[in-house]
Protein backbone atom coordinates (compact mmCIF):
# COMPACT_ATOMS: atom_id res chain seq x y z
CA MET A 1 -5.19 173.38 -92.89
CA THR A 2 -3.85 170.15 -91.59
CA GLY A 3 -0.31 168.96 -91.88
CA SER A 4 0.61 166.43 -94.56
CA THR A 5 3.14 163.71 -95.04
CA THR A 6 6.03 163.72 -97.46
CA THR A 7 5.43 160.32 -99.06
CA ALA A 8 3.88 160.11 -102.51
CA THR A 9 1.73 157.07 -101.74
CA PRO A 10 -1.97 156.69 -102.50
CA GLY A 11 -4.14 158.11 -99.74
CA THR A 12 -1.56 160.51 -98.38
CA ALA A 13 -0.77 164.12 -99.22
CA THR A 14 2.51 165.27 -100.68
CA PRO A 15 3.34 168.94 -100.08
CA GLY A 16 5.17 170.89 -102.73
CA THR A 17 8.81 171.76 -102.21
CA ALA A 18 9.37 175.50 -101.89
CA THR A 19 12.34 177.26 -103.44
CA PRO A 20 15.03 177.51 -100.71
CA GLY A 21 16.19 180.98 -99.76
CA VAL A 22 13.34 182.83 -101.48
CA LEU A 23 10.51 182.28 -98.99
CA SER A 24 10.34 183.06 -95.32
CA GLU A 25 10.08 180.25 -92.79
CA ARG A 26 6.42 181.07 -92.19
CA GLU A 27 5.68 181.00 -95.92
CA ARG A 28 7.37 177.61 -96.27
CA GLU A 29 5.31 176.28 -93.35
CA VAL A 30 2.05 177.43 -94.92
CA LEU A 31 2.96 175.91 -98.28
CA ALA A 32 4.07 172.63 -96.71
CA ALA A 33 0.70 172.27 -94.95
CA VAL A 34 -1.16 172.10 -98.28
CA PRO A 35 -1.55 168.69 -99.92
CA GLY A 36 0.00 168.73 -103.36
CA GLU A 37 -1.91 165.85 -104.91
CA LEU A 38 -5.28 165.20 -106.51
CA PHE A 39 -8.19 164.62 -104.12
CA ILE A 40 -10.30 161.72 -105.38
CA ALA A 41 -12.75 159.61 -103.38
CA GLY A 42 -11.36 161.00 -100.13
CA ARG A 43 -7.75 160.07 -100.93
CA TRP A 44 -4.76 162.21 -101.89
CA LEU A 45 -3.37 160.68 -105.07
CA PRO A 46 -0.62 161.52 -107.58
CA ALA A 47 -1.67 162.08 -111.17
CA ALA A 48 -2.02 158.81 -113.08
CA ALA A 49 0.83 159.83 -115.37
CA GLY A 50 2.94 161.06 -112.45
CA ALA A 51 3.12 164.58 -113.89
CA ARG A 52 3.43 167.74 -111.78
CA PHE A 53 3.40 171.44 -112.60
CA PRO A 54 4.84 174.50 -110.82
CA VAL A 55 2.87 177.12 -108.91
CA LEU A 56 4.50 180.53 -109.28
CA ASP A 57 4.66 183.59 -107.05
CA PRO A 58 3.56 186.43 -109.36
CA ALA A 59 5.46 188.95 -107.22
CA THR A 60 8.82 187.29 -107.85
CA GLY A 61 8.36 184.84 -110.69
CA GLU A 62 9.82 182.13 -108.46
CA THR A 63 8.33 178.65 -108.06
CA LEU A 64 6.44 178.24 -104.80
CA CYS A 65 5.92 174.50 -105.11
CA GLU A 66 4.68 171.84 -107.50
CA VAL A 67 1.33 170.03 -107.53
CA ALA A 68 -0.10 167.03 -109.33
CA ASP A 69 -0.89 167.64 -113.01
CA GLY A 70 -4.03 165.65 -113.69
CA GLY A 71 -5.21 164.43 -117.07
CA ARG A 72 -8.14 162.69 -118.72
CA GLU A 73 -7.84 159.47 -116.71
CA ASP A 74 -7.76 161.38 -113.44
CA ALA A 75 -10.78 163.45 -114.43
CA LEU A 76 -12.85 160.36 -115.20
CA ASP A 77 -11.70 158.70 -111.97
CA ALA A 78 -12.88 161.78 -110.09
CA LEU A 79 -16.21 161.72 -111.92
CA THR A 80 -16.60 158.03 -111.09
CA ALA A 81 -16.06 158.83 -107.42
CA ALA A 82 -18.68 161.59 -107.56
CA HIS A 83 -21.13 159.36 -109.45
CA GLU A 84 -20.76 156.51 -106.96
CA ALA A 85 -21.11 158.82 -103.96
CA GLN A 86 -24.25 160.56 -105.28
CA PRO A 87 -26.99 158.13 -104.09
CA ALA A 88 -25.85 158.04 -100.47
CA TRP A 89 -25.06 161.74 -100.36
CA GLN A 90 -28.43 162.90 -101.66
CA ALA A 91 -30.10 160.67 -99.04
CA THR A 92 -28.18 162.44 -96.27
CA ALA A 93 -30.33 164.53 -93.95
CA PRO A 94 -30.37 168.23 -94.88
CA ARG A 95 -29.40 169.15 -91.32
CA GLU A 96 -26.33 166.95 -91.56
CA ARG A 97 -25.28 168.60 -94.81
CA GLY A 98 -25.78 172.00 -93.21
CA GLU A 99 -23.70 171.06 -90.17
CA ILE A 100 -20.78 170.02 -92.37
CA LEU A 101 -20.89 173.43 -94.02
CA ARG A 102 -21.14 175.15 -90.65
CA ARG A 103 -18.05 173.33 -89.37
CA ALA A 104 -16.17 174.18 -92.57
CA TYR A 105 -17.19 177.82 -92.15
CA GLN A 106 -15.68 177.88 -88.67
CA LEU A 107 -12.45 176.22 -89.82
CA LEU A 108 -12.04 178.84 -92.54
CA VAL A 109 -12.56 181.64 -90.02
CA ASP A 110 -10.18 180.07 -87.51
CA ARG A 111 -7.43 179.70 -90.13
CA THR A 112 -7.83 183.07 -91.81
CA ASP A 113 -4.23 184.16 -91.30
CA GLU A 114 -2.58 181.12 -92.87
CA LEU A 115 -5.14 180.85 -95.67
CA ALA A 116 -4.74 184.54 -96.49
CA LEU A 117 -0.98 184.14 -96.69
CA LEU A 118 -1.39 181.11 -98.95
CA MET A 119 -3.65 183.11 -101.26
CA THR A 120 -1.28 186.06 -101.38
CA LEU A 121 1.62 183.79 -102.28
CA GLU A 122 -0.08 182.15 -105.26
CA MET A 123 -2.32 184.98 -106.45
CA GLY A 124 -0.54 188.18 -105.40
CA LYS A 125 -3.24 190.27 -103.71
CA PRO A 126 -2.23 192.12 -100.51
CA LEU A 127 -2.67 190.22 -97.26
CA ALA A 128 -5.48 192.45 -96.01
CA GLU A 129 -7.48 191.80 -99.18
CA ALA A 130 -6.74 188.09 -98.99
CA ALA A 131 -8.03 187.99 -95.41
CA GLY A 132 -11.15 189.79 -96.62
CA GLU A 133 -11.66 187.13 -99.27
CA ILE A 134 -11.39 184.35 -96.68
CA ALA A 135 -14.16 186.04 -94.69
CA TYR A 136 -16.24 186.42 -97.86
CA ALA A 137 -15.60 182.81 -98.87
CA ALA A 138 -16.56 181.49 -95.44
CA GLU A 139 -19.87 183.35 -95.56
CA PHE A 140 -20.99 181.23 -98.53
CA PHE A 141 -20.65 178.14 -96.35
CA ARG A 142 -22.56 179.77 -93.51
CA TRP A 143 -25.30 181.02 -95.85
CA PHE A 144 -25.83 177.67 -97.57
CA ALA A 145 -25.59 175.78 -94.28
CA GLU A 146 -28.81 177.60 -93.42
CA GLU A 147 -30.35 177.07 -96.87
CA ALA A 148 -29.83 173.28 -96.75
CA VAL A 149 -32.81 172.87 -94.41
CA ARG A 150 -35.03 175.25 -96.40
CA ILE A 151 -35.33 173.27 -99.63
CA ASP A 152 -39.06 173.19 -100.17
CA GLY A 153 -41.66 171.80 -102.54
CA GLY A 154 -45.40 172.12 -102.95
CA TYR A 155 -48.81 170.49 -102.67
CA ALA A 156 -51.87 171.69 -104.54
CA THR A 157 -55.29 170.68 -105.78
CA ALA A 158 -55.79 170.39 -109.52
CA PRO A 159 -58.25 172.92 -110.97
CA ASP A 160 -60.80 170.15 -111.64
CA GLY A 161 -60.44 168.78 -108.13
CA ALA A 162 -59.78 165.25 -109.40
CA SER A 163 -56.11 165.02 -108.47
CA ARG A 164 -53.37 166.52 -106.37
CA PHE A 165 -50.03 167.96 -107.42
CA LEU A 166 -46.97 167.06 -105.34
CA VAL A 167 -43.84 169.04 -106.24
CA LEU A 168 -40.42 167.83 -105.08
CA ARG A 169 -37.00 169.50 -105.21
CA GLN A 170 -34.18 167.03 -105.73
CA PRO A 171 -30.42 167.36 -106.35
CA VAL A 172 -29.31 167.68 -109.97
CA GLY A 173 -26.60 165.08 -109.48
CA PRO A 174 -22.83 165.07 -110.04
CA CYS A 175 -21.51 168.53 -110.93
CA VAL A 176 -18.40 169.78 -112.70
CA LEU A 177 -17.20 173.00 -111.10
CA VAL A 178 -14.59 175.17 -112.85
CA THR A 179 -13.21 178.14 -110.93
CA PRO A 180 -10.93 181.09 -111.86
CA TRP A 181 -7.71 182.33 -110.31
CA ASN A 182 -8.76 185.82 -109.23
CA PHE A 183 -10.84 184.78 -106.20
CA PRO A 184 -9.39 181.31 -105.64
CA MET A 185 -11.16 180.61 -102.34
CA ALA A 186 -14.46 182.46 -102.70
CA MET A 187 -15.23 181.14 -106.17
CA GLY A 188 -14.79 177.64 -104.76
CA THR A 189 -17.08 178.11 -101.77
CA ARG A 190 -19.68 179.96 -103.89
CA LYS A 191 -20.11 176.78 -105.96
CA ILE A 192 -19.31 174.06 -103.42
CA GLY A 193 -21.60 175.53 -100.73
CA PRO A 194 -24.88 175.24 -102.63
CA ALA A 195 -23.88 171.90 -104.18
CA ILE A 196 -23.31 170.41 -100.72
CA ALA A 197 -26.49 171.97 -99.35
CA ALA A 198 -28.56 170.62 -102.27
CA GLY A 199 -27.12 167.10 -102.00
CA CYS A 200 -24.92 167.11 -105.11
CA THR A 201 -21.51 165.51 -105.47
CA MET A 202 -18.89 167.31 -107.53
CA VAL A 203 -15.53 167.49 -109.27
CA LEU A 204 -13.72 170.79 -108.87
CA LYS A 205 -11.15 171.93 -111.44
CA PRO A 206 -9.38 175.04 -110.07
CA ALA A 207 -7.35 177.44 -112.18
CA GLU A 208 -3.79 176.42 -113.02
CA GLN A 209 -2.37 179.61 -111.49
CA THR A 210 -4.02 179.11 -108.07
CA PRO A 211 -4.53 175.43 -107.21
CA LEU A 212 -3.35 175.69 -103.61
CA CYS A 213 -6.44 177.39 -102.19
CA ALA A 214 -8.65 174.69 -103.72
CA LEU A 215 -6.53 171.93 -102.24
CA ALA A 216 -6.57 173.60 -98.83
CA LEU A 217 -10.34 173.92 -99.10
CA ALA A 218 -10.72 170.20 -99.87
CA ASP A 219 -8.57 169.41 -96.84
CA ILE A 220 -10.80 171.59 -94.65
CA LEU A 221 -14.02 170.03 -95.91
CA ALA A 222 -12.65 166.55 -95.27
CA GLU A 223 -11.80 167.63 -91.74
CA ALA A 224 -15.33 169.03 -91.38
CA GLY A 225 -16.72 165.56 -92.09
CA LEU A 226 -17.63 165.67 -95.79
CA PRO A 227 -17.96 162.03 -96.92
CA ASP A 228 -15.49 160.54 -99.38
CA GLY A 229 -16.30 161.19 -103.02
CA VAL A 230 -18.65 164.12 -102.45
CA LEU A 231 -15.94 166.63 -103.37
CA ASN A 232 -13.12 165.67 -105.71
CA VAL A 233 -10.39 168.07 -106.86
CA VAL A 234 -8.33 167.68 -110.03
CA THR A 235 -5.53 170.20 -110.48
CA THR A 236 -4.11 170.46 -113.97
CA SER A 237 -2.14 172.58 -116.41
CA ARG A 238 -4.27 171.14 -119.24
CA PRO A 239 -7.84 172.20 -118.44
CA GLY A 240 -9.33 171.12 -121.77
CA GLU A 241 -8.00 167.60 -121.31
CA VAL A 242 -9.66 167.40 -117.90
CA VAL A 243 -12.98 169.23 -118.33
CA GLU A 244 -14.15 168.15 -121.78
CA PRO A 245 -14.15 164.37 -121.07
CA MET A 246 -16.33 164.91 -118.00
CA LEU A 247 -18.83 167.04 -119.90
CA ARG A 248 -19.12 164.46 -122.68
CA ASP A 249 -19.20 161.44 -120.36
CA GLY A 250 -22.91 161.39 -119.53
CA ARG A 251 -22.61 160.90 -115.76
CA ALA A 252 -22.11 164.57 -114.98
CA ARG A 253 -25.42 166.44 -114.83
CA LYS A 254 -24.36 170.03 -114.31
CA LEU A 255 -21.57 172.45 -115.20
CA SER A 256 -20.87 175.57 -113.16
CA PHE A 257 -18.17 177.78 -114.67
CA THR A 258 -16.67 181.13 -113.78
CA GLY A 259 -14.25 182.62 -116.29
CA SER A 260 -14.00 184.34 -119.64
CA THR A 261 -16.87 184.56 -122.10
CA GLN A 262 -14.66 183.01 -124.77
CA VAL A 263 -14.06 179.85 -122.74
CA GLY A 264 -17.65 179.87 -121.53
CA ARG A 265 -18.95 179.65 -125.10
CA LEU A 266 -16.73 176.63 -125.73
CA LEU A 267 -17.89 174.86 -122.58
CA LEU A 268 -21.55 175.57 -123.37
CA ALA A 269 -21.08 173.84 -126.72
CA GLN A 270 -19.48 170.84 -125.03
CA ALA A 271 -22.18 170.70 -122.34
CA ALA A 272 -24.91 170.77 -124.99
CA GLU A 273 -24.02 167.27 -126.23
CA LYS A 274 -25.39 165.68 -123.01
CA VAL A 275 -27.81 168.57 -122.28
CA LEU A 276 -26.15 169.47 -118.98
CA ARG A 277 -27.61 172.09 -116.67
CA THR A 278 -25.29 175.09 -116.80
CA SER A 279 -24.45 178.09 -114.66
CA MET A 280 -22.07 180.51 -116.37
CA GLU A 281 -20.55 183.56 -114.71
CA LEU A 282 -18.59 185.12 -117.55
CA GLY A 283 -16.87 188.35 -118.51
CA GLY A 284 -17.81 191.90 -117.64
CA ASN A 285 -17.29 195.43 -118.92
CA ALA A 286 -18.76 197.39 -116.04
CA PRO A 287 -19.64 201.05 -116.57
CA PHE A 288 -19.25 203.46 -113.64
CA LEU A 289 -21.60 206.42 -114.15
CA VAL A 290 -21.06 209.65 -112.23
CA PHE A 291 -23.69 212.37 -112.68
CA ASP A 292 -23.02 216.01 -111.93
CA ASP A 293 -25.24 215.94 -108.83
CA ALA A 294 -23.29 213.07 -107.27
CA ASP A 295 -21.44 213.31 -103.96
CA LEU A 296 -17.94 213.36 -105.46
CA ASP A 297 -16.24 212.21 -102.28
CA ALA A 298 -18.52 209.17 -102.19
CA ALA A 299 -18.08 208.63 -105.93
CA VAL A 300 -14.29 208.59 -105.65
CA ASP A 301 -14.46 206.23 -102.66
CA GLY A 302 -16.76 203.97 -104.67
CA ALA A 303 -14.49 204.20 -107.71
CA MET A 304 -11.51 203.08 -105.66
CA ALA A 305 -13.47 200.08 -104.38
CA ALA A 306 -14.95 199.18 -107.76
CA LYS A 307 -11.66 199.58 -109.62
CA MET A 308 -8.95 198.51 -107.19
CA ARG A 309 -10.56 195.56 -105.45
CA ASN A 310 -8.37 192.58 -106.29
CA ILE A 311 -5.92 194.85 -108.19
CA GLY A 312 -8.63 195.41 -110.78
CA GLU A 313 -8.59 191.70 -111.65
CA ALA A 314 -12.30 191.11 -111.19
CA CYS A 315 -15.23 190.65 -113.56
CA THR A 316 -17.08 193.19 -111.42
CA ALA A 317 -14.30 195.77 -111.69
CA ALA A 318 -15.32 199.17 -113.03
CA ASN A 319 -14.01 199.11 -116.59
CA ARG A 320 -15.42 202.31 -118.12
CA PHE A 321 -15.76 205.50 -116.08
CA LEU A 322 -18.46 207.67 -117.67
CA VAL A 323 -18.55 211.05 -115.91
CA GLN A 324 -20.84 213.98 -116.66
CA ARG A 325 -18.84 216.78 -118.22
CA GLY A 326 -19.43 219.34 -115.47
CA VAL A 327 -17.59 217.23 -112.88
CA ALA A 328 -15.35 215.11 -115.12
CA ASP A 329 -12.13 217.06 -114.55
CA GLU A 330 -12.58 217.28 -110.79
CA PHE A 331 -13.49 213.60 -110.50
CA ALA A 332 -10.44 212.62 -112.55
CA ARG A 333 -8.15 214.83 -110.46
CA ARG A 334 -9.37 213.37 -107.18
CA LEU A 335 -9.24 209.79 -108.45
CA ALA A 336 -5.72 210.23 -109.82
CA GLU A 337 -4.59 211.67 -106.50
CA ARG A 338 -5.94 208.64 -104.65
CA MET A 339 -4.51 206.16 -107.14
CA ALA A 340 -1.07 207.76 -107.09
CA ALA A 341 -0.94 207.40 -103.31
CA LEU A 342 -1.26 203.60 -103.43
CA THR A 343 1.78 201.47 -102.58
CA MET A 344 2.81 198.74 -104.99
CA GLY A 345 4.77 195.65 -103.95
CA ARG A 346 4.66 192.03 -102.89
CA GLY A 347 1.39 191.45 -101.10
CA THR A 348 3.11 190.05 -98.01
CA GLU A 349 4.87 193.35 -97.28
CA PRO A 350 3.37 195.81 -94.77
CA GLY A 351 1.50 198.74 -96.28
CA VAL A 352 1.25 197.30 -99.80
CA THR A 353 -2.09 198.05 -101.48
CA VAL A 354 -1.33 197.06 -105.08
CA GLY A 355 0.10 193.61 -105.69
CA PRO A 356 1.31 192.07 -108.96
CA LEU A 357 -0.96 191.00 -111.78
CA ILE A 358 -1.40 187.25 -112.06
CA ASP A 359 1.10 186.63 -114.88
CA ALA A 360 3.02 188.15 -117.76
CA ASP A 361 0.13 187.66 -120.19
CA GLY A 362 -2.16 189.67 -117.93
CA ARG A 363 0.36 192.47 -117.58
CA ASP A 364 1.07 192.51 -121.33
CA LYS A 365 -2.63 192.90 -122.11
CA VAL A 366 -2.99 195.86 -119.73
CA THR A 367 0.14 197.45 -121.19
CA GLU A 368 -1.18 197.06 -124.72
CA LEU A 369 -4.64 198.47 -123.93
CA VAL A 370 -3.18 201.54 -122.24
CA ALA A 371 -0.66 202.15 -125.01
CA GLU A 372 -3.35 201.94 -127.68
CA ALA A 373 -5.61 204.35 -125.78
CA VAL A 374 -2.78 206.86 -125.35
CA ALA A 375 -1.86 206.58 -129.02
CA GLY A 376 -5.49 207.42 -129.78
CA GLY A 377 -5.41 210.59 -127.72
CA ALA A 378 -6.00 209.55 -124.11
CA ARG A 379 -4.05 211.43 -121.44
CA VAL A 380 -2.23 209.72 -118.54
CA LEU A 381 -2.77 211.37 -115.15
CA THR A 382 -0.85 208.78 -113.17
CA GLY A 383 0.85 205.46 -113.90
CA GLY A 384 0.62 204.34 -117.50
CA ALA A 385 3.61 202.01 -117.94
CA PRO A 386 4.74 198.62 -116.59
CA VAL A 387 7.40 198.40 -113.92
CA ASP A 388 10.81 196.91 -114.63
CA GLY A 389 12.19 194.15 -112.43
CA PRO A 390 10.94 190.80 -111.13
CA GLY A 391 7.25 190.14 -110.79
CA THR A 392 4.33 191.15 -112.99
CA PHE A 393 3.57 194.60 -111.61
CA TYR A 394 1.58 197.37 -113.23
CA PRO A 395 0.97 200.66 -111.37
CA ALA A 396 -2.43 202.16 -110.57
CA THR A 397 -3.29 204.23 -113.65
CA VAL A 398 -5.82 206.92 -114.56
CA LEU A 399 -6.55 207.91 -118.16
CA THR A 400 -8.78 210.76 -119.31
CA GLY A 401 -10.15 211.63 -122.72
CA VAL A 402 -10.34 208.00 -123.76
CA PRO A 403 -11.46 208.02 -127.41
CA ALA A 404 -14.72 206.42 -128.47
CA GLY A 405 -14.20 202.92 -129.81
CA ALA A 406 -10.89 202.34 -128.00
CA ARG A 407 -10.24 198.69 -127.11
CA ILE A 408 -9.84 199.67 -123.47
CA GLY A 409 -13.53 200.57 -123.49
CA ARG A 410 -14.64 197.38 -125.22
CA GLU A 411 -12.55 194.69 -123.51
CA GLU A 412 -12.05 193.71 -119.89
CA ILE A 413 -8.93 195.47 -118.63
CA PHE A 414 -8.37 193.12 -115.68
CA GLY A 415 -5.85 195.47 -114.16
CA PRO A 416 -5.54 198.67 -112.09
CA VAL A 417 -6.47 201.11 -114.87
CA ALA A 418 -9.32 203.64 -114.69
CA ALA A 419 -10.31 204.89 -118.15
CA ILE A 420 -12.44 208.05 -117.99
CA SER A 421 -14.71 209.50 -120.67
CA ALA A 422 -17.12 212.43 -120.41
CA PHE A 423 -20.83 212.54 -121.28
CA ASP A 424 -23.45 215.32 -121.42
CA THR A 425 -26.91 213.82 -120.98
CA GLU A 426 -28.54 210.95 -119.13
CA ASP A 427 -29.61 209.30 -122.37
CA GLU A 428 -26.07 209.52 -123.69
CA ALA A 429 -24.70 207.94 -120.51
CA VAL A 430 -27.16 205.03 -120.56
CA ALA A 431 -26.57 204.40 -124.28
CA ALA A 432 -22.79 204.32 -123.73
CA ALA A 433 -23.13 202.07 -120.69
CA ASN A 434 -25.26 199.56 -122.61
CA ASP A 435 -23.05 199.64 -125.71
CA THR A 436 -21.33 196.34 -124.92
CA GLU A 437 -21.96 192.62 -125.33
CA TYR A 438 -21.54 192.23 -121.57
CA GLY A 439 -24.03 192.90 -118.80
CA LEU A 440 -22.70 191.80 -115.41
CA VAL A 441 -22.72 194.91 -113.21
CA SER A 442 -23.11 198.67 -113.53
CA TYR A 443 -22.37 201.41 -110.99
CA VAL A 444 -24.32 204.67 -110.72
CA TYR A 445 -23.59 207.73 -108.56
CA THR A 446 -26.31 210.37 -108.26
CA ARG A 447 -28.29 212.03 -105.46
CA ASP A 448 -31.44 212.29 -107.60
CA LEU A 449 -33.85 209.53 -106.52
CA ALA A 450 -35.92 209.63 -109.69
CA ARG A 451 -32.80 209.45 -111.85
CA SER A 452 -31.51 206.55 -109.72
CA LEU A 453 -34.60 204.51 -110.47
CA ARG A 454 -34.77 205.49 -114.15
CA VAL A 455 -31.15 204.66 -114.84
CA ALA A 456 -31.13 201.44 -112.80
CA GLU A 457 -34.13 200.16 -114.74
CA ARG A 458 -32.63 201.09 -118.11
CA LEU A 459 -29.14 199.65 -117.58
CA GLU A 460 -28.64 196.22 -119.14
CA ALA A 461 -26.90 194.48 -116.25
CA GLY A 462 -27.69 191.74 -113.78
CA MET A 463 -26.49 193.83 -110.83
CA ILE A 464 -26.49 197.55 -110.08
CA GLY A 465 -24.35 199.34 -107.50
CA LEU A 466 -26.32 202.48 -106.67
CA ASN A 467 -23.99 204.86 -104.82
CA LYS A 468 -22.06 201.73 -103.86
CA GLY A 469 -18.79 200.42 -105.28
CA VAL A 470 -19.05 196.76 -104.16
CA VAL A 471 -22.08 194.62 -104.96
CA SER A 472 -20.88 191.11 -104.08
CA ASN A 473 -22.61 189.53 -101.07
CA PRO A 474 -23.25 185.83 -100.33
CA ALA A 475 -26.86 186.65 -99.42
CA ALA A 476 -27.55 188.32 -102.80
CA PRO A 477 -27.99 186.78 -106.28
CA PHE A 478 -24.81 187.25 -108.31
CA GLY A 479 -24.89 187.03 -112.11
CA GLY A 480 -25.28 188.86 -115.38
CA VAL A 481 -27.23 189.17 -118.61
CA LYS A 482 -26.25 189.11 -122.28
CA GLN A 483 -22.80 187.53 -122.70
CA SER A 484 -21.96 187.88 -119.02
CA GLY A 485 -23.59 184.58 -118.27
CA LEU A 486 -26.51 182.37 -117.27
CA GLY A 487 -27.99 181.70 -113.85
CA ARG A 488 -27.25 183.18 -110.43
CA GLU A 489 -24.93 182.31 -107.56
CA GLY A 490 -25.57 183.26 -103.94
CA GLY A 491 -28.74 184.43 -102.28
CA ARG A 492 -31.90 182.35 -101.98
CA VAL A 493 -31.79 181.48 -105.67
CA GLY A 494 -28.21 180.18 -105.52
CA ILE A 495 -29.25 176.71 -104.41
CA ASP A 496 -31.88 176.50 -107.18
CA GLU A 497 -29.12 176.02 -109.73
CA PHE A 498 -28.34 172.65 -108.08
CA LEU A 499 -31.93 171.39 -107.76
CA GLU A 500 -34.33 169.78 -110.19
CA THR A 501 -38.11 170.08 -109.87
CA LYS A 502 -40.15 166.85 -109.96
CA TYR A 503 -43.94 166.80 -110.23
CA VAL A 504 -46.01 163.86 -108.99
CA ALA A 505 -49.68 163.60 -110.10
CA ILE A 506 -51.92 161.88 -107.55
CA PRO A 507 -55.51 160.94 -108.50
CA THR A 508 -58.10 161.52 -105.77
CA PRO A 509 -61.37 160.06 -107.14
């Protein structure tokens, strides 16, 4: 990140003012290095109405800083900048676009420590996990830097021999990108990377809870040489006021959204008016199947990764643990032992492995889901109740005997709670796993190769972790089926979401 000035004038960046006495000197330095304004047409600008909103530390509830609170006028100004920059940007050489991404990749890697601290401050995850996300986020830039020069087309002879078919791949055009708070850097690079590589301009609307990573990312891309207007960032506490006008405007040609299924449905309806291309990465309700022939040590390791990555606040998090009855008690005992050994606290503190949940609403939902399950007969092996004091903490929790039909098995938990139920047969396990409107990811642990293939083919999910608790990889296609979304991000197909196909018919008499 680069330093910024302290004057709220157009074209300069105004850092937020940290709460004195609460933050360390290093934390104040990292926060002060982040521009606190909107990024439109290559300039750091205050919101048109002059409004600002606070960014909170979920570990303490204290205000970290304030950033510009954009509205409708700012959103349309950002879209104008993207629209005006589109013709020149799509004419830019693919190699040049790739080199910008490569330089941005290196800047992210070089600044891992400060970016990780920034992420921990606004989102809460432990520093080691935040550093891991920076590495993951950077890889999207490196991957799509290489894909920029591999956009291909086609040339063929018509069946009757009388003409030729020329197929071109061209950028979709200006994109609206909406990212969530749980992976505030990686969800940005996963969308921005392919858009840049394909030759699309964009407006990014980050989550209200975590705007700082998006602003730091815009600063880095500007430093890497991204032309003015290609990326515009509008931070806001009023997302509907910002996103809807852009979708209904007519100049935007694509929407890429990561977030809840509920909000995704609303945005799809809004995008339909102008028939926008859409990519939707929505909610999940991931089953984690453990068969009685599984390597239990590996299954518990995988369960810890699938459940506790990002404090359980991930759409890919294992939500329902379905364990074959013969090993259910032993699996639960081992998992509870591992979960109880985790250390909860502010993510900046040494040795902390469980940070706070993002906000009070998130903690209240987890509390309610656990309480309802226990009232229905579930048994708590460890954790099970919120922690008093500042911050929005909830301890790592393991429940067994979760009753059929419990809300905790139907809704995303988005917290550090493992809910375990037993099954008897393979058919029963697959039926239970598929008994959901979601279909993002499923996890399966078994040492039987034939069963592995059978179950993987039968599970209704866009991704399968077979004896593996983490499936996310920039080189692989990420996405779900059913109400978990549309399209794929990452992998070779990730750039396709930002390209249109044009066919040219050429007579050859």
